[in-house]
């Protein structure tokens, strides 16, 4: 069996590792089709627990010996500042952990290990993807033929086949790097008048991202906020910027191709929960390939998970922050409206009143994580 992975961003690498490790049949070979000269965003990334677990199981990634390879630090929690009168942590429940890592370095590290461990079962094809033909018996990518393909090529060219959310408040991000090691073991989530700021510690640098809505806040005011927090005079030329929509695929799986990464879903960076979604997409495709789930089952399952993921983000926002500003009034209004009379959200609330852990109905958090976060935010949904 030949499996093709398109793209080498974080999710492309995760997918290569996933299918090499969990497809133990030696007759399965994984190919990654990508242009090595194509640039990635390279912010510096905050993971959830799925990534270090996958790297450990597939590549023997060891935090004691391999962290320099990824410029990585351990992540034990998310630190919420200015979301409530008391600042608080959203912890990763022991005995698990996540990591912050330099996504410029992930592919080089992972693919070198893949070639050492899996030898003839992994191959790179250095080409731009200019043609994908999805057939009943195989998938043709350029002039190559695969049995199945995972499409991880990033942002979609068109959103016609996607659900675009009107219930999340962000659409723009300014990214700024500080060439100084990060000396903390959590991801900053600092609320501001006009949005919020994430901070990611790496061993050699810090990655900061200012998230806002450019229909409410001007670029100039966002830069002023960023400069004030970081105590630096930051100009437009100092930052990288990108605009985004909050969206998810209407159909994740079509015959022999499944979308993953930003090709499948992107809402926003809060709590880095997208990693769990991407991992579930790979697991669902594995079940489909080996006839454990139908195409309809996989799509229904992943659409349900994406709804639960969106609900979680609305849950965080709908209580607002310590700022009574135009942005936060807007955020509270649209997210409260989304959760009202939402049957999936009602199911999540009812389910988390019972002591269960890591079940689909509780997604994207386990029972104990919901309880801790709910108490800190002062919602008291699960009493």
Protein backbone atom coordinates (compact mmCIF):
# COMPACT_ATOMS: atom_id res chain seq x y z
CA UNK A 1 0.00 0.00 0.00
CA UNK A 2 1.26 3.47 -0.90
CA UNK A 3 0.17 6.42 1.26
CA UNK A 4 0.85 9.97 0.11
CA UNK A 5 1.16 12.94 2.46
CA UNK A 6 1.01 16.37 0.83
CA UNK A 7 2.87 19.12 2.69
CA UNK A 8 5.49 19.34 5.44
CA UNK A 9 4.10 21.76 7.98
CA UNK A 10 3.61 20.47 11.51
CA UNK A 11 0.59 18.37 10.57
CA UNK A 12 2.29 16.95 7.49
CA UNK A 13 5.13 15.74 9.73
CA UNK A 14 2.67 14.41 12.32
CA UNK A 15 0.86 12.49 9.59
CA UNK A 16 4.03 10.89 8.20
CA UNK A 17 4.99 9.78 11.72
CA UNK A 18 1.50 8.52 12.49
CA UNK A 19 1.16 6.31 9.43
CA UNK A 20 4.71 4.94 9.65
CA UNK A 21 4.29 3.99 13.30
CA UNK A 22 0.76 2.66 13.46
CA UNK A 23 0.72 0.93 10.09
CA UNK A 24 3.02 -1.87 11.15
CA UNK A 25 2.57 -3.81 7.89
CA UNK A 26 5.94 -3.70 6.13
CA UNK A 27 4.16 -3.54 2.78
CA UNK A 28 2.93 -0.03 3.58
CA UNK A 29 5.13 2.81 2.35
CA UNK A 30 4.63 6.50 3.15
CA UNK A 31 5.60 9.20 0.66
CA UNK A 32 5.72 12.93 1.42
CA UNK A 33 5.25 15.19 -1.59
CA UNK A 34 6.49 18.73 -1.01
CA UNK A 35 8.63 21.55 -2.33
CA UNK A 36 11.59 21.88 0.11
CA UNK A 37 12.04 25.51 -0.90
CA UNK A 38 8.52 26.50 0.11
CA UNK A 39 8.52 28.58 3.28
CA UNK A 40 6.39 27.84 6.34
CA UNK A 41 5.04 30.45 8.75
CA UNK A 42 7.52 29.52 11.50
CA UNK A 43 6.06 31.34 14.49
CA UNK A 44 7.29 28.92 17.07
CA UNK A 45 4.52 26.59 18.11
CA UNK A 46 2.70 25.48 21.22
CA UNK A 47 1.55 21.87 21.12
CA UNK A 48 -0.87 19.83 23.09
CA UNK A 49 -0.11 16.40 24.57
CA UNK A 50 -0.57 14.52 21.29
CA UNK A 51 2.63 15.78 19.62
CA UNK A 52 5.29 14.71 22.16
CA UNK A 53 3.50 11.39 22.61
CA UNK A 54 3.50 10.80 18.84
CA UNK A 55 7.17 11.81 18.52
CA UNK A 56 8.09 9.48 21.39
CA UNK A 57 6.19 6.52 19.97
CA UNK A 58 7.25 6.99 16.35
CA UNK A 59 10.74 8.56 16.54
CA UNK A 60 12.01 7.71 20.05
CA UNK A 61 11.94 11.44 20.83
CA UNK A 62 13.43 11.92 24.30
CA UNK A 63 13.07 15.21 26.17
CA UNK A 64 16.44 14.77 27.88
CA UNK A 65 18.45 14.27 24.71
CA UNK A 66 16.49 15.71 21.78
CA UNK A 67 15.12 19.07 22.93
CA UNK A 68 17.96 21.02 21.33
CA UNK A 69 17.02 19.46 17.99
CA UNK A 70 13.68 21.28 18.11
CA UNK A 71 14.72 24.31 20.20
CA UNK A 72 12.01 22.98 22.50
CA UNK A 73 10.77 23.62 26.02
CA UNK A 74 8.32 21.63 28.13
CA UNK A 75 4.80 23.00 28.44
CA UNK A 76 2.88 22.25 31.64
CA UNK A 77 -0.04 24.66 31.26
CA UNK A 78 -1.61 27.72 29.66
CA UNK A 79 -1.38 30.89 31.71
CA UNK A 80 -4.40 33.21 31.44
CA UNK A 81 -3.61 36.81 32.33
CA UNK A 82 -6.24 39.57 32.51
CA UNK A 83 -9.09 37.23 31.57
CA UNK A 84 -10.37 37.44 35.13
CA UNK A 85 -9.45 39.57 38.16
CA UNK A 86 -7.26 36.68 39.28
CA UNK A 87 -4.74 35.29 36.80
CA UNK A 88 -4.79 31.51 36.53
CA UNK A 89 -3.35 28.41 34.90
CA UNK A 90 -5.14 25.88 32.74
CA UNK A 91 -2.96 22.87 33.60
CA UNK A 92 -2.04 19.78 31.65
CA UNK A 93 -3.09 16.96 33.94
CA UNK A 94 -0.13 14.88 35.23
CA UNK A 95 1.52 12.61 34.17
CA UNK A 96 1.35 14.13 30.68
CA UNK A 97 3.00 17.18 29.16
CA UNK A 98 3.15 19.17 25.94
CA UNK A 99 5.97 21.09 24.27
CA UNK A 100 6.82 24.40 22.66
CA UNK A 101 9.00 23.91 19.60
CA UNK A 102 10.57 25.61 16.59
CA UNK A 103 8.51 24.45 13.62
CA UNK A 104 11.32 25.40 11.23
CA UNK A 105 13.27 22.50 12.73
CA UNK A 106 10.57 19.84 13.02
CA UNK A 107 10.66 18.45 9.48
CA UNK A 108 14.46 18.11 9.35
CA UNK A 109 14.57 16.30 12.69
CA UNK A 110 11.59 14.06 12.03
CA UNK A 111 12.41 13.02 8.48
CA UNK A 112 16.01 12.19 9.39
CA UNK A 113 14.71 9.88 12.13
CA UNK A 114 12.07 8.42 9.81
CA UNK A 115 14.74 7.41 7.32
CA UNK A 116 16.86 5.86 10.08
CA UNK A 117 14.04 3.93 11.77
CA UNK A 118 11.75 3.02 8.88
CA UNK A 119 14.42 2.80 6.16
CA UNK A 120 12.76 1.78 2.88
CA UNK A 121 9.22 2.53 4.13
CA UNK A 122 9.56 6.33 3.80
CA UNK A 123 10.43 8.53 0.83
CA UNK A 124 10.33 12.23 0.03
CA UNK A 125 9.21 13.48 -3.38
CA UNK A 126 10.46 17.03 -3.93
CA UNK A 127 7.84 18.62 -6.17
CA UNK A 128 5.15 21.25 -6.10
CA UNK A 129 1.72 19.63 -6.13
CA UNK A 130 0.05 20.80 -9.33
CA UNK A 131 -2.51 18.03 -9.90
CA UNK A 132 -4.56 15.78 -7.60
CA UNK A 133 -7.04 13.31 -9.15
CA UNK A 134 -9.18 11.34 -6.71
CA UNK A 135 -10.28 8.04 -8.26
CA UNK A 136 -12.23 5.02 -7.09
CA UNK A 137 -9.15 2.77 -7.10
CA UNK A 138 -6.30 5.21 -6.38
CA UNK A 139 -5.20 8.85 -6.20
CA UNK A 140 -2.94 10.41 -8.79
CA UNK A 141 -0.75 13.28 -7.54
CA UNK A 142 1.18 14.85 -10.42
CA UNK A 143 2.60 11.72 -12.11
CA UNK A 144 2.59 9.58 -8.94
CA UNK A 145 -0.08 7.08 -7.93
CA UNK A 146 -1.08 6.38 -4.30
CA UNK A 147 -3.69 4.19 -2.64
CA UNK A 148 -4.64 6.93 -0.16
CA UNK A 149 -3.67 10.58 0.36
CA UNK A 150 -3.69 12.95 3.34
CA UNK A 151 -3.81 16.54 2.11
CA UNK A 152 -1.91 18.82 4.53
CA UNK A 153 -1.12 21.69 2.15
CA UNK A 154 -2.33 24.49 4.41
CA UNK A 155 -4.93 27.19 3.82
CA UNK A 156 -7.57 26.27 1.21
CA UNK A 157 -7.58 28.24 -2.05
CA UNK A 158 -11.37 28.68 -1.76
CA UNK A 159 -13.78 28.43 1.18
CA UNK A 160 -16.74 27.32 -0.95
CA UNK A 161 -16.65 23.81 0.55
CA UNK A 162 -16.08 24.98 4.11
CA UNK A 163 -18.20 26.07 7.05
CA UNK A 164 -16.98 29.59 7.94
CA UNK A 165 -17.76 30.52 11.52
CA UNK A 166 -19.32 33.85 12.40
CA UNK A 167 -19.12 33.02 16.10
CA UNK A 168 -15.43 33.66 16.80
CA UNK A 169 -14.02 37.18 17.22
CA UNK A 170 -10.52 37.10 15.65
CA UNK A 171 -9.29 37.53 12.07
CA UNK A 172 -5.72 38.84 12.21
CA UNK A 173 -2.40 38.18 13.91
CA UNK A 174 0.87 40.09 14.25
CA UNK A 175 3.86 37.85 14.98
CA UNK A 176 7.01 39.17 16.66
CA UNK A 177 10.21 37.37 17.64
CA UNK A 178 12.54 38.26 20.51
CA UNK A 179 16.03 36.80 20.23
CA UNK A 180 16.23 35.85 23.86
CA UNK A 181 15.52 32.44 25.48
CA UNK A 182 12.09 31.94 27.00
CA UNK A 183 12.52 30.96 30.67
CA UNK A 184 8.99 29.77 31.47
CA UNK A 185 7.11 26.49 30.94
CA UNK A 186 3.64 27.61 29.93
CA UNK A 187 1.97 29.36 26.99
CA UNK A 188 0.98 32.95 27.69
CA UNK A 189 -2.61 33.93 26.92
CA UNK A 190 -2.75 37.61 27.93
CA UNK A 191 -6.00 39.48 27.34
CA UNK A 192 -5.75 43.09 26.16
CA UNK A 193 -8.28 45.79 25.41
CA UNK A 194 -8.27 44.88 21.73
CA UNK A 195 -7.73 41.11 21.75
CA UNK A 196 -5.14 38.88 23.33
CA UNK A 197 -1.47 37.96 23.11
CA UNK A 198 0.17 34.54 23.08
CA UNK A 199 3.74 34.03 24.19
CA UNK A 200 5.81 30.93 23.41
CA UNK A 201 9.17 30.17 25.07
CA UNK A 202 11.86 28.43 23.02
CA UNK A 203 15.41 27.66 24.08
CA UNK A 204 16.92 30.32 21.84
CA UNK A 205 14.07 32.81 21.29
CA UNK A 206 10.57 33.90 22.20
CA UNK A 207 7.59 33.91 19.83
CA UNK A 208 4.78 36.41 20.45
CA UNK A 209 1.53 36.75 18.56
CA UNK A 210 -1.00 39.55 18.92
CA UNK A 211 -4.52 38.45 17.91
CA UNK A 212 -7.29 40.92 17.12
CA UNK A 213 -10.17 41.79 14.80
CA UNK A 214 -9.18 44.38 12.17
CA UNK A 215 -12.83 45.40 11.74
CA UNK A 216 -12.71 46.70 15.31
CA UNK A 217 -9.03 47.51 15.94
CA UNK A 218 -6.64 49.29 13.58
CA UNK A 219 -3.20 47.89 12.84
CA UNK A 220 -1.71 50.97 14.51
CA UNK A 221 -3.56 50.35 17.79
CA UNK A 222 -2.62 46.67 17.71
CA UNK A 223 1.05 47.64 17.31
CA UNK A 224 0.73 50.09 20.20
CA UNK A 225 -0.69 47.33 22.41
CA UNK A 226 2.09 44.95 21.41
CA UNK A 227 4.78 47.58 22.00
CA UNK A 228 3.39 48.44 25.42
CA UNK A 229 3.24 44.84 26.62
CA UNK A 230 6.68 43.86 25.34
CA UNK A 231 8.20 47.25 26.28
CA UNK A 232 9.68 47.72 22.82
CA UNK A 233 8.98 50.19 20.03
CA UNK A 234 7.60 47.80 17.41
CA UNK A 235 7.00 48.95 13.83
CA UNK A 236 5.03 47.28 11.05
CA UNK A 237 8.31 46.29 9.40
CA UNK A 238 9.31 44.37 12.54
CA UNK A 239 6.42 41.91 12.44
CA UNK A 240 4.97 39.20 10.25
CA UNK A 241 1.22 39.40 9.79
CA UNK A 242 -1.48 37.13 8.51
CA UNK A 243 -5.23 37.35 8.16
CA UNK A 244 -7.39 34.31 8.67
CA UNK A 245 -10.92 32.99 8.76
CA UNK A 246 -12.34 30.55 11.30
CA UNK A 247 -13.48 27.53 9.29
CA UNK A 248 -13.84 23.77 9.08
CA UNK A 249 -14.40 21.42 6.17
CA UNK A 250 -17.95 20.43 5.28
CA UNK A 251 -16.50 17.13 4.07
CA UNK A 252 -13.18 15.96 5.54
CA UNK A 253 -13.00 12.65 3.69
CA UNK A 254 -13.82 12.09 0.03
CA UNK A 255 -13.19 8.58 -1.32
CA UNK A 256 -9.41 8.15 -0.95
CA UNK A 257 -8.38 11.65 0.18
CA UNK A 258 -8.75 13.19 3.62
CA UNK A 259 -7.99 16.80 4.50
CA UNK A 260 -5.84 17.53 7.56
CA UNK A 261 -4.12 20.51 9.14
CA UNK A 262 -5.22 23.94 7.94
CA UNK A 263 -6.61 22.28 4.82
CA UNK A 264 -9.21 20.68 7.13
CA UNK A 265 -9.87 23.14 9.94
CA UNK A 266 -8.54 26.32 11.50
CA UNK A 267 -10.30 28.30 14.19
CA UNK A 268 -7.55 30.09 16.15
CA UNK A 269 -4.56 29.34 18.47
CA UNK A 270 -6.36 29.38 21.86
CA UNK A 271 -5.09 26.51 24.08
CA UNK A 272 -3.36 24.90 21.02
CA UNK A 273 -6.24 22.43 20.80
CA UNK A 274 -5.99 22.04 17.04
CA UNK A 275 -3.28 19.39 17.55
CA UNK A 276 -5.81 17.07 19.13
CA UNK A 277 -8.16 17.57 16.20
CA UNK A 278 -5.42 16.79 13.68
CA UNK A 279 -4.47 13.65 15.57
CA UNK A 280 -8.10 12.50 15.54
CA UNK A 281 -8.30 13.06 11.78
CA UNK A 282 -5.34 10.71 11.24
CA UNK A 283 -6.84 8.10 13.56
CA UNK A 284 -10.20 8.29 11.79
CA UNK A 285 -8.52 7.85 8.39
CA UNK A 286 -6.67 4.80 9.72
CA UNK A 287 -10.06 3.32 10.70
CA UNK A 288 -11.42 4.09 7.24
CA UNK A 289 -8.49 2.51 5.40
CA UNK A 290 -8.86 -0.68 7.41
CA UNK A 291 -12.64 -0.81 7.03
CA UNK A 292 -13.51 -0.01 10.64
CA UNK A 293 -15.45 3.14 9.67
CA UNK A 294 -17.31 4.18 6.54
CA UNK A 295 -16.75 7.48 4.75
CA UNK A 296 -20.02 8.74 6.22
CA UNK A 297 -19.00 7.65 9.73
CA UNK A 298 -15.66 9.46 9.48
CA UNK A 299 -17.19 12.68 8.19
CA UNK A 300 -19.95 12.70 10.80
CA UNK A 301 -17.43 12.01 13.57
CA UNK A 302 -15.04 14.79 12.50
CA UNK A 303 -17.82 17.32 11.93
CA UNK A 304 -19.07 16.57 15.44
CA UNK A 305 -15.57 17.07 16.89
CA UNK A 306 -15.18 20.37 15.04
CA UNK A 307 -18.47 21.59 16.54
CA UNK A 308 -17.27 20.67 20.02
CA UNK A 309 -13.97 22.45 19.37
CA UNK A 310 -15.77 25.62 18.24
CA UNK A 311 -18.06 25.40 21.28
CA UNK A 312 -15.05 25.27 23.59
CA UNK A 313 -13.63 28.47 22.10
CA UNK A 314 -17.00 30.20 22.49
CA UNK A 315 -17.13 28.92 26.08
CA UNK A 316 -13.83 30.67 26.89
CA UNK A 317 -14.82 33.96 25.22
CA UNK A 318 -18.43 34.33 26.30
CA UNK A 319 -17.47 35.37 29.83
CA UNK A 320 -15.33 38.19 28.47
CA UNK A 321 -12.21 39.47 30.20
CA UNK A 322 -11.26 42.27 32.59
CA UNK A 323 -11.69 44.75 29.71
CA UNK A 324 -15.09 46.25 28.96
CA UNK A 325 -14.07 47.30 25.45
CA UNK A 326 -15.63 47.17 22.00
CA UNK A 327 -13.72 44.01 21.13
CA UNK A 328 -14.76 42.15 24.27
CA UNK A 329 -18.39 43.26 24.04
CA UNK A 330 -18.42 41.90 20.49
CA UNK A 331 -16.70 38.66 21.55
CA UNK A 332 -19.17 38.08 24.37
CA UNK A 333 -22.18 38.83 22.19
CA UNK A 334 -21.37 36.48 19.28
CA UNK A 335 -20.09 33.60 21.41
CA UNK A 336 -23.02 33.75 23.84
CA UNK A 337 -25.39 33.69 20.87
CA UNK A 338 -23.57 30.65 19.48
CA UNK A 339 -23.85 28.65 22.71
CA UNK A 340 -27.50 29.52 23.35
CA UNK A 341 -29.80 26.63 22.40
CA UNK A 342 -26.79 24.68 21.10
CA UNK A 343 -27.63 20.98 21.51
CA UNK A 344 -24.02 19.79 21.31
CA UNK A 345 -23.03 22.30 24.01
CA UNK A 346 -25.93 21.19 26.21
CA UNK A 347 -24.70 17.61 25.86
CA UNK A 348 -21.19 18.65 26.88
CA UNK A 349 -22.49 20.42 29.98
CA UNK A 350 -24.64 17.46 31.05
CA UNK A 351 -21.89 14.94 30.36
CA UNK A 352 -19.31 16.85 32.39
CA UNK A 353 -21.54 16.85 35.43
CA UNK A 354 -20.74 13.13 35.56
CA UNK A 355 -17.24 11.91 36.38
CA UNK A 356 -16.02 10.71 32.99
CA UNK A 357 -12.64 11.29 31.38
CA UNK A 358 -11.50 11.63 27.77
CA UNK A 359 -14.77 10.63 26.13
CA UNK A 360 -16.00 12.00 22.82
CA UNK A 361 -18.88 13.82 24.50
CA UNK A 362 -16.35 15.70 26.64
CA UNK A 363 -14.06 16.69 23.73
CA UNK A 364 -11.79 18.68 23.48
CA UNK A 365 -10.92 18.43 27.19
CA UNK A 366 -11.04 15.60 29.67
CA UNK A 367 -13.38 15.77 32.65
CA UNK A 368 -10.82 17.05 35.18
CA UNK A 369 -9.49 19.74 32.82
CA UNK A 370 -13.03 21.01 32.24
CA UNK A 371 -13.65 21.15 35.98
CA UNK A 372 -10.46 23.11 36.74
CA UNK A 373 -10.92 25.60 33.90
CA UNK A 374 -14.62 26.08 34.65
CA UNK A 375 -13.86 26.95 38.27
CA UNK A 376 -11.11 29.42 37.32
CA UNK A 377 -13.36 31.17 34.78
CA UNK A 378 -16.20 31.36 37.31
CA UNK A 379 -18.84 29.79 35.08
CA UNK A 380 -19.85 26.90 37.36
CA UNK A 381 -21.46 24.94 34.53
CA UNK A 382 -20.52 21.52 35.83
CA UNK A 383 -21.59 21.70 39.47
